[in-house]
């Protein structure tokens, strides 16, 4: 498993100024009601972490930087796109409609080529996070335009593959649950239904604040974004309604 990257997003500024520390404490309390041992809780490992950790390991063994570069060099774009979709399906990050729309969009060889090259650039090439994320969104927008698939450019699709491939840096954005968690925490999440850098940067700031706050409490030191996303999910998902 990849270790969490150092905090690169600001944990202060306008978007962080409204954090209610009572709200943060309540969120920790809610998580510990379900998982008293925090991120080491056996029930947590089974219910929230295990499947996604297995998916990340599968990604490392099939679509790590060297593996994906090898596939691109040999024109195996279809294999790369199919592997990414198969790993995501096992993890269950996308809705059925999003998964079907993406599968349809990637049927043409040219679409699989675009997806595979954009995925490699997003995850592994050098450059600032904003440019790489916006280039990735540009590729998804082109896939949507080619296929008329309305569910290709959504927040979950835009963030699921980064989350699986680089959980040291990238976070899955499930809007309904994440917005509910931000409200509970007291964080001003700059949400826009259309994926864009401003919204993703705000999400990463939220993650950085959560990591900073949780690190002060035994059992809640996040190993990676898999733990951070699970903490957010417990706050906002219908499965964990208070």
C-alpha atoms as a PDB file:
ATOM      1  CA  UNK A   1       0.000   0.000   0.000  1.00  0.00           C
ATOM      2  CA  UNK A   2       1.184   3.488  -0.821  1.00  0.00           C
ATOM      3  CA  UNK A   3       1.773   5.787   2.127  1.00  0.00           C
ATOM      4  CA  UNK A   4      -0.092   9.048   2.366  1.00  0.00           C
ATOM      5  CA  UNK A   5       1.674  11.895   0.667  1.00  0.00           C
ATOM      6  CA  UNK A   6       2.581  14.872   2.848  1.00  0.00           C
ATOM      7  CA  UNK A   7      -0.173  17.438   3.237  1.00  0.00           C
ATOM      8  CA  UNK A   8      -0.090  19.637   0.152  1.00  0.00           C
ATOM      9  CA  UNK A   9      -3.472  21.344   0.460  1.00  0.00           C
ATOM     10  CA  UNK A  10      -3.933  24.256   2.817  1.00  0.00           C
ATOM     11  CA  UNK A  11      -5.784  23.564   6.024  1.00  0.00           C
ATOM     12  CA  UNK A  12      -6.621  27.209   6.552  1.00  0.00           C
ATOM     13  CA  UNK A  13      -8.111  29.943   4.400  1.00  0.00           C
ATOM     14  CA  UNK A  14     -11.697  30.760   3.447  1.00  0.00           C
ATOM     15  CA  UNK A  15     -12.883  27.236   2.739  1.00  0.00           C
ATOM     16  CA  UNK A  16     -11.572  25.969   6.072  1.00  0.00           C
ATOM     17  CA  UNK A  17     -12.597  28.901   8.218  1.00  0.00           C
ATOM     18  CA  UNK A  18     -16.061  27.595   9.038  1.00  0.00           C
ATOM     19  CA  UNK A  19     -14.973  24.248  10.460  1.00  0.00           C
ATOM     20  CA  UNK A  20     -16.865  23.675  13.685  1.00  0.00           C
ATOM     21  CA  UNK A  21     -14.650  21.801  16.090  1.00  0.00           C
ATOM     22  CA  UNK A  22     -17.732  20.547  17.910  1.00  0.00           C
ATOM     23  CA  UNK A  23     -18.877  19.179  14.548  1.00  0.00           C
ATOM     24  CA  UNK A  24     -15.510  17.480  14.048  1.00  0.00           C
ATOM     25  CA  UNK A  25     -15.767  15.905  17.503  1.00  0.00           C
ATOM     26  CA  UNK A  26     -19.267  14.654  16.755  1.00  0.00           C
ATOM     27  CA  UNK A  27     -18.044  13.110  13.507  1.00  0.00           C
ATOM     28  CA  UNK A  28     -15.266  11.273  15.340  1.00  0.00           C
ATOM     29  CA  UNK A  29     -17.789  10.100  17.926  1.00  0.00           C
ATOM     30  CA  UNK A  30     -20.115   8.793  15.222  1.00  0.00           C
ATOM     31  CA  UNK A  31     -17.288   6.873  13.548  1.00  0.00           C
ATOM     32  CA  UNK A  32     -16.260   5.333  16.865  1.00  0.00           C
ATOM     33  CA  UNK A  33     -19.836   4.306  17.629  1.00  0.00           C
ATOM     34  CA  UNK A  34     -19.598   1.958  14.659  1.00  0.00           C
ATOM     35  CA  UNK A  35     -15.873   1.197  14.898  1.00  0.00           C
ATOM     36  CA  UNK A  36     -14.637   1.626  18.513  1.00  0.00           C
ATOM     37  CA  UNK A  37     -11.062   0.666  17.592  1.00  0.00           C
ATOM     38  CA  UNK A  38     -10.925   3.226  14.823  1.00  0.00           C
ATOM     39  CA  UNK A  39      -9.138   2.310  11.620  1.00  0.00           C
ATOM     40  CA  UNK A  40      -7.790  -0.859  13.254  1.00  0.00           C
ATOM     41  CA  UNK A  41     -11.257  -2.135  14.168  1.00  0.00           C
ATOM     42  CA  UNK A  42     -11.821  -5.621  12.755  1.00  0.00           C
ATOM     43  CA  UNK A  43     -15.361  -4.752  11.673  1.00  0.00           C
ATOM     44  CA  UNK A  44     -14.092  -1.647   9.896  1.00  0.00           C
ATOM     45  CA  UNK A  45     -11.450  -3.601   8.024  1.00  0.00           C
ATOM     46  CA  UNK A  46     -14.074  -6.038   6.747  1.00  0.00           C
ATOM     47  CA  UNK A  47     -16.891  -3.577   6.036  1.00  0.00           C
ATOM     48  CA  UNK A  48     -15.014  -0.618   4.577  1.00  0.00           C
ATOM     49  CA  UNK A  49     -11.354  -1.228   3.843  1.00  0.00           C
ATOM     50  CA  UNK A  50     -10.690  -4.785   2.695  1.00  0.00           C
ATOM     51  CA  UNK A  51     -12.348  -4.699  -0.732  1.00  0.00           C
ATOM     52  CA  UNK A  52     -10.806  -1.372  -1.676  1.00  0.00           C
ATOM     53  CA  UNK A  53      -7.386  -2.388  -0.442  1.00  0.00           C
ATOM     54  CA  UNK A  54      -7.596  -5.541  -2.560  1.00  0.00           C
ATOM     55  CA  UNK A  55      -8.600  -3.408  -5.543  1.00  0.00           C
ATOM     56  CA  UNK A  56      -5.629  -1.100  -5.022  1.00  0.00           C
ATOM     57  CA  UNK A  57      -3.262  -4.071  -4.825  1.00  0.00           C
ATOM     58  CA  UNK A  58      -4.747  -5.458  -8.028  1.00  0.00           C
ATOM     59  CA  UNK A  59      -4.139  -2.056  -9.609  1.00  0.00           C
ATOM     60  CA  UNK A  60      -0.523  -2.051  -8.453  1.00  0.00           C
ATOM     61  CA  UNK A  61       0.035  -5.460 -10.004  1.00  0.00           C
ATOM     62  CA  UNK A  62      -1.739  -4.716 -13.287  1.00  0.00           C
ATOM     63  CA  UNK A  63      -1.728  -0.967 -13.832  1.00  0.00           C
ATOM     64  CA  UNK A  64       1.196   0.328 -11.804  1.00  0.00           C
ATOM     65  CA  UNK A  65       3.377   2.891 -13.550  1.00  0.00           C
ATOM     66  CA  UNK A  66       5.680   0.336 -15.169  1.00  0.00           C
ATOM     67  CA  UNK A  67       2.848  -2.022 -16.155  1.00  0.00           C
ATOM     68  CA  UNK A  68       0.689   0.699 -17.680  1.00  0.00           C
ATOM     69  CA  UNK A  69       3.670   2.203 -19.500  1.00  0.00           C
ATOM     70  CA  UNK A  70       4.392  -1.252 -20.965  1.00  0.00           C
ATOM     71  CA  UNK A  71       0.795  -1.613 -22.157  1.00  0.00           C
ATOM     72  CA  UNK A  72       0.869   1.804 -23.808  1.00  0.00           C
ATOM     73  CA  UNK A  73       4.194   1.102 -25.497  1.00  0.00           C
ATOM     74  CA  UNK A  74       2.738  -2.069 -27.035  1.00  0.00           C
ATOM     75  CA  UNK A  75      -0.551  -0.499 -28.094  1.00  0.00           C
ATOM     76  CA  UNK A  76      -2.520  -2.566 -25.583  1.00  0.00           C
ATOM     77  CA  UNK A  77      -4.982   0.235 -24.901  1.00  0.00           C
ATOM     78  CA  UNK A  78      -7.950  -2.082 -24.777  1.00  0.00           C
ATOM     79  CA  UNK A  79      -6.263  -4.263 -22.163  1.00  0.00           C
ATOM     80  CA  UNK A  80      -5.474  -1.199 -20.043  1.00  0.00           C
ATOM     81  CA  UNK A  81      -9.008   0.182 -20.242  1.00  0.00           C
ATOM     82  CA  UNK A  82     -10.596  -3.211 -19.566  1.00  0.00           C
ATOM     83  CA  UNK A  83      -8.329  -3.851 -16.573  1.00  0.00           C
ATOM     84  CA  UNK A  84      -9.165  -0.456 -15.053  1.00  0.00           C
ATOM     85  CA  UNK A  85     -12.892  -1.102 -15.459  1.00  0.00           C
ATOM     86  CA  UNK A  86     -12.630  -4.623 -14.055  1.00  0.00           C
ATOM     87  CA  UNK A  87     -10.779  -3.460 -10.941  1.00  0.00           C
ATOM     88  CA  UNK A  88     -13.275  -0.651 -10.369  1.00  0.00           C
ATOM     89  CA  UNK A  89     -16.200  -3.065 -10.709  1.00  0.00           C
ATOM     90  CA  UNK A  90     -14.733  -5.271  -7.993  1.00  0.00           C
ATOM     91  CA  UNK A  91     -14.394  -2.285  -5.698  1.00  0.00           C
ATOM     92  CA  UNK A  92     -17.924  -1.070  -6.507  1.00  0.00           C
ATOM     93  CA  UNK A  93     -17.151   2.649  -6.593  1.00  0.00           C
ATOM     94  CA  UNK A  94     -19.430   3.653  -9.474  1.00  0.00           C
ATOM     95  CA  UNK A  95     -23.154   3.348  -9.898  1.00  0.00           C
ATOM     96  CA  UNK A  96     -24.511   0.823 -12.374  1.00  0.00           C
ATOM     97  CA  UNK A  97     -25.458   3.622 -14.776  1.00  0.00           C
ATOM     98  CA  UNK A  98     -22.012   5.226 -14.595  1.00  0.00           C
ATOM     99  CA  UNK A  99     -20.309   1.889 -15.170  1.00  0.00           C
ATOM    100  CA  UNK A 100     -22.495   1.091 -18.173  1.00  0.00           C
ATOM    101  CA  UNK A 101     -21.998   4.560 -19.678  1.00  0.00           C
ATOM    102  CA  UNK A 102     -18.224   4.329 -19.348  1.00  0.00           C
ATOM    103  CA  UNK A 103     -18.123   0.823 -20.791  1.00  0.00           C
ATOM    104  CA  UNK A 104     -20.120   1.978 -23.809  1.00  0.00           C
ATOM    105  CA  UNK A 105     -17.932   5.066 -24.262  1.00  0.00           C
ATOM    106  CA  UNK A 106     -14.773   2.929 -24.265  1.00  0.00           C
ATOM    107  CA  UNK A 107     -15.894   0.449 -26.909  1.00  0.00           C
ATOM    108  CA  UNK A 108     -14.081   2.151 -29.832  1.00  0.00           C
ATOM    109  CA  UNK A 109     -10.342   1.483 -29.954  1.00  0.00           C
ATOM    110  CA  UNK A 110      -9.647   5.214 -30.256  1.00  0.00           C
ATOM    111  CA  UNK A 111     -11.592   5.829 -27.044  1.00  0.00           C
ATOM    112  CA  UNK A 112      -9.665   3.123 -25.184  1.00  0.00           C
ATOM    113  CA  UNK A 113      -6.425   4.684 -26.423  1.00  0.00           C
ATOM    114  CA  UNK A 114      -7.454   8.140 -25.221  1.00  0.00           C
ATOM    115  CA  UNK A 115      -8.510   6.777 -21.839  1.00  0.00           C
ATOM    116  CA  UNK A 116      -5.340   4.751 -21.284  1.00  0.00           C
ATOM    117  CA  UNK A 117      -2.955   7.567 -22.180  1.00  0.00           C
ATOM    118  CA  UNK A 118      -4.910  10.120 -20.131  1.00  0.00           C
ATOM    119  CA  UNK A 119      -4.990   7.742 -17.169  1.00  0.00           C
ATOM    120  CA  UNK A 120      -1.217   7.297 -17.240  1.00  0.00           C
ATOM    121  CA  UNK A 121      -0.632  11.051 -17.454  1.00  0.00           C
ATOM    122  CA  UNK A 122      -3.050  11.708 -14.589  1.00  0.00           C
ATOM    123  CA  UNK A 123      -1.548   9.151 -12.228  1.00  0.00           C
ATOM    124  CA  UNK A 124       2.129   8.968 -13.074  1.00  0.00           C
ATOM    125  CA  UNK A 125       3.466  11.844 -15.138  1.00  0.00           C
ATOM    126  CA  UNK A 126       5.084  14.922 -13.672  1.00  0.00           C
ATOM    127  CA  UNK A 127       3.337  18.252 -13.460  1.00  0.00           C
ATOM    128  CA  UNK A 128       1.129  20.188 -11.127  1.00  0.00           C
ATOM    129  CA  UNK A 129      -1.993  18.505  -9.725  1.00  0.00           C
ATOM    130  CA  UNK A 130      -4.287  21.074 -11.298  1.00  0.00           C
ATOM    131  CA  UNK A 131      -2.983  20.578 -14.825  1.00  0.00           C
ATOM    132  CA  UNK A 132      -3.035  16.795 -14.551  1.00  0.00           C
ATOM    133  CA  UNK A 133      -6.579  16.743 -13.146  1.00  0.00           C
ATOM    134  CA  UNK A 134      -7.887  19.168 -15.755  1.00  0.00           C
ATOM    135  CA  UNK A 135      -6.258  17.170 -18.565  1.00  0.00           C
ATOM    136  CA  UNK A 136      -7.924  14.044 -17.188  1.00  0.00           C
ATOM    137  CA  UNK A 137     -11.295  15.795 -17.125  1.00  0.00           C
ATOM    138  CA  UNK A 138     -10.682  16.927 -20.684  1.00  0.00           C
ATOM    139  CA  UNK A 139     -10.245  13.316 -21.786  1.00  0.00           C
ATOM    140  CA  UNK A 140     -13.452  12.268 -20.021  1.00  0.00           C
ATOM    141  CA  UNK A 141     -15.291  15.180 -21.628  1.00  0.00           C
ATOM    142  CA  UNK A 142     -14.096  14.041 -25.038  1.00  0.00           C
ATOM    143  CA  UNK A 143     -15.280  10.505 -24.324  1.00  0.00           C
ATOM    144  CA  UNK A 144     -18.674  11.877 -23.343  1.00  0.00           C
ATOM    145  CA  UNK A 145     -18.886  13.965 -26.499  1.00  0.00           C
ATOM    146  CA  UNK A 146     -17.968  11.005 -28.698  1.00  0.00           C
ATOM    147  CA  UNK A 147     -20.441   8.633 -27.088  1.00  0.00           C
ATOM    148  CA  UNK A 148     -23.205  11.006 -25.928  1.00  0.00           C
ATOM    149  CA  UNK A 149     -22.922   9.211 -22.585  1.00  0.00           C
ATOM    150  CA  UNK A 150     -24.367  11.547 -20.008  1.00  0.00           C
ATOM    151  CA  UNK A 151     -22.900   9.597 -17.072  1.00  0.00           C
ATOM    152  CA  UNK A 152     -19.279   9.555 -18.261  1.00  0.00           C
ATOM    153  CA  UNK A 153     -18.242  12.903 -16.787  1.00  0.00           C
ATOM    154  CA  UNK A 154     -19.441  12.656 -13.183  1.00  0.00           C
ATOM    155  CA  UNK A 155     -17.576  13.169  -9.944  1.00  0.00           C
ATOM    156  CA  UNK A 156     -17.354   9.456  -9.129  1.00  0.00           C
ATOM    157  CA  UNK A 157     -16.024   8.590 -12.609  1.00  0.00           C
ATOM    158  CA  UNK A 158     -13.587  11.512 -12.483  1.00  0.00           C
ATOM    159  CA  UNK A 159     -12.155  10.437  -9.125  1.00  0.00           C
ATOM    160  CA  UNK A 160     -12.575   6.651  -8.843  1.00  0.00           C
ATOM    161  CA  UNK A 161      -9.519   5.653 -10.886  1.00  0.00           C
ATOM    162  CA  UNK A 162      -7.177   8.090  -9.165  1.00  0.00           C
ATOM    163  CA  UNK A 163      -8.462   6.784  -5.837  1.00  0.00           C
ATOM    164  CA  UNK A 164      -7.791   3.171  -6.823  1.00  0.00           C
ATOM    165  CA  UNK A 165      -4.418   3.848  -8.403  1.00  0.00           C
ATOM    166  CA  UNK A 166      -2.991   6.476  -6.039  1.00  0.00           C
ATOM    167  CA  UNK A 167      -4.795   6.442  -2.685  1.00  0.00           C
ATOM    168  CA  UNK A 168      -1.785   8.233  -1.270  1.00  0.00           C
ATOM    169  CA  UNK A 169      -2.916  11.353  -3.160  1.00  0.00           C
ATOM    170  CA  UNK A 170      -6.401  11.010  -4.615  1.00  0.00           C
ATOM    171  CA  UNK A 171      -9.830  10.810  -3.006  1.00  0.00           C
ATOM    172  CA  UNK A 172     -13.115   9.405  -4.281  1.00  0.00           C
ATOM    173  CA  UNK A 173     -15.843  12.055  -4.481  1.00  0.00           C
ATOM    174  CA  UNK A 174     -19.345  10.701  -3.901  1.00  0.00           C
ATOM    175  CA  UNK A 175     -21.292  13.980  -3.845  1.00  0.00           C
ATOM    176  CA  UNK A 176     -24.304  13.132  -1.686  1.00  0.00           C
ATOM    177  CA  UNK A 177     -22.388  11.478   1.147  1.00  0.00           C
ATOM    178  CA  UNK A 178     -19.461  13.897   0.982  1.00  0.00           C
ATOM    179  CA  UNK A 179     -21.644  16.990   1.071  1.00  0.00           C
ATOM    180  CA  UNK A 180     -23.516  15.613   4.088  1.00  0.00           C
ATOM    181  CA  UNK A 181     -20.205  14.886   5.818  1.00  0.00           C
ATOM    182  CA  UNK A 182     -18.917  18.393   5.090  1.00  0.00           C
ATOM    183  CA  UNK A 183     -22.065  19.912   6.576  1.00  0.00           C
ATOM    184  CA  UNK A 184     -21.704  17.775   9.700  1.00  0.00           C
ATOM    185  CA  UNK A 185     -18.051  18.717  10.007  1.00  0.00           C
ATOM    186  CA  UNK A 186     -18.711  22.386   9.398  1.00  0.00           C
ATOM    187  CA  UNK A 187     -16.581  22.592   6.245  1.00  0.00           C
ATOM    188  CA  UNK A 188     -17.538  24.857   3.356  1.00  0.00           C
ATOM    189  CA  UNK A 189     -17.238  22.387   0.498  1.00  0.00           C
ATOM    190  CA  UNK A 190     -17.180  24.287  -2.777  1.00  0.00           C
ATOM    191  CA  UNK A 191     -19.351  21.822  -4.635  1.00  0.00           C
ATOM    192  CA  UNK A 192     -20.258  22.162  -8.286  1.00  0.00           C
ATOM    193  CA  UNK A 193     -22.198  19.356 -10.015  1.00  0.00           C
ATOM    194  CA  UNK A 194     -19.795  19.642 -12.967  1.00  0.00           C
ATOM    195  CA  UNK A 195     -16.378  18.215 -12.089  1.00  0.00           C
ATOM    196  CA  UNK A 196     -13.627  20.817 -12.050  1.00  0.00           C
ATOM    197  CA  UNK A 197     -10.399  21.676 -10.282  1.00  0.00           C
ATOM    198  CA  UNK A 198     -11.999  24.153  -7.863  1.00  0.00           C
ATOM    199  CA  UNK A 199     -14.309  21.490  -6.475  1.00  0.00           C
ATOM    200  CA  UNK A 200     -11.597  18.826  -6.342  1.00  0.00           C
ATOM    201  CA  UNK A 201      -9.139  21.151  -4.629  1.00  0.00           C
ATOM    202  CA  UNK A 202     -11.821  21.885  -2.023  1.00  0.00           C
ATOM    203  CA  UNK A 203     -12.340  18.152  -1.511  1.00  0.00           C
ATOM    204  CA  UNK A 204      -8.606  17.623  -0.995  1.00  0.00           C
ATOM    205  CA  UNK A 205      -8.548  20.488   1.500  1.00  0.00           C
ATOM    206  CA  UNK A 206     -11.389  18.792   3.392  1.00  0.00           C
ATOM    207  CA  UNK A 207      -9.389  15.553   3.386  1.00  0.00           C
ATOM    208  CA  UNK A 208      -6.293  17.356   4.675  1.00  0.00           C
ATOM    209  CA  UNK A 209      -8.257  18.905   7.543  1.00  0.00           C
ATOM    210  CA  UNK A 210      -9.742  15.522   8.466  1.00  0.00           C
ATOM    211  CA  UNK A 211      -6.294  13.902   8.400  1.00  0.00           C
ATOM    212  CA  UNK A 212      -4.849  16.630  10.598  1.00  0.00           C
ATOM    213  CA  UNK A 213      -7.679  16.380  13.118  1.00  0.00           C
ATOM    214  CA  UNK A 214      -7.796  12.586  13.244  1.00  0.00           C
ATOM    215  CA  UNK A 215      -4.024  12.283  13.656  1.00  0.00           C
ATOM    216  CA  UNK A 216      -4.362  13.709  17.163  1.00  0.00           C
ATOM    217  CA  UNK A 217      -6.497  10.774  18.331  1.00  0.00           C
ATOM    218  CA  UNK A 218      -5.330   7.202  19.022  1.00  0.00           C
ATOM    219  CA  UNK A 219      -6.505   4.692  16.450  1.00  0.00           C
ATOM    220  CA  UNK A 220      -7.534   7.337  13.929  1.00  0.00           C
ATOM    221  CA  UNK A 221      -4.278   8.002  12.100  1.00  0.00           C
ATOM    222  CA  UNK A 222      -5.250   7.512   8.444  1.00  0.00           C
ATOM    223  CA  UNK A 223      -2.986   5.201   6.482  1.00  0.00           C
ATOM    224  CA  UNK A 224      -4.148   6.598   3.162  1.00  0.00           C
ATOM    225  CA  UNK A 225      -7.164   8.087   1.432  1.00  0.00           C
ATOM    226  CA  UNK A 226      -8.988   4.765   1.752  1.00  0.00           C
ATOM    227  CA  UNK A 227      -9.307   5.512   5.465  1.00  0.00           C
ATOM    228  CA  UNK A 228     -10.157   9.182   4.887  1.00  0.00           C
ATOM    229  CA  UNK A 229     -12.886   8.321   2.402  1.00  0.00           C
ATOM    230  CA  UNK A 230     -14.326   5.692   4.742  1.00  0.00           C
ATOM    231  CA  UNK A 231     -14.470   8.273   7.546  1.00  0.00           C
ATOM    232  CA  UNK A 232     -16.352  10.637   5.215  1.00  0.00           C
ATOM    233  CA  UNK A 233     -18.650   7.811   4.108  1.00  0.00           C
ATOM    234  CA  UNK A 234     -19.643   6.953   7.677  1.00  0.00           C
ATOM    235  CA  UNK A 235     -20.675  10.577   8.232  1.00  0.00           C
ATOM    236  CA  UNK A 236     -22.849  10.978   5.145  1.00  0.00           C
ATOM    237  CA  UNK A 237     -23.927   7.644   3.682  1.00  0.00           C
ATOM    238  CA  UNK A 238     -27.502   6.359   4.175  1.00  0.00           C
ATOM    239  CA  UNK A 239     -26.026   3.086   5.467  1.00  0.00           C
ATOM    240  CA  UNK A 240     -24.828   4.979   8.530  1.00  0.00           C
ATOM    241  CA  UNK A 241     -27.865   7.127   9.191  1.00  0.00           C
ATOM    242  CA  UNK A 242     -27.880   8.173  12.816  1.00  0.00           C
END
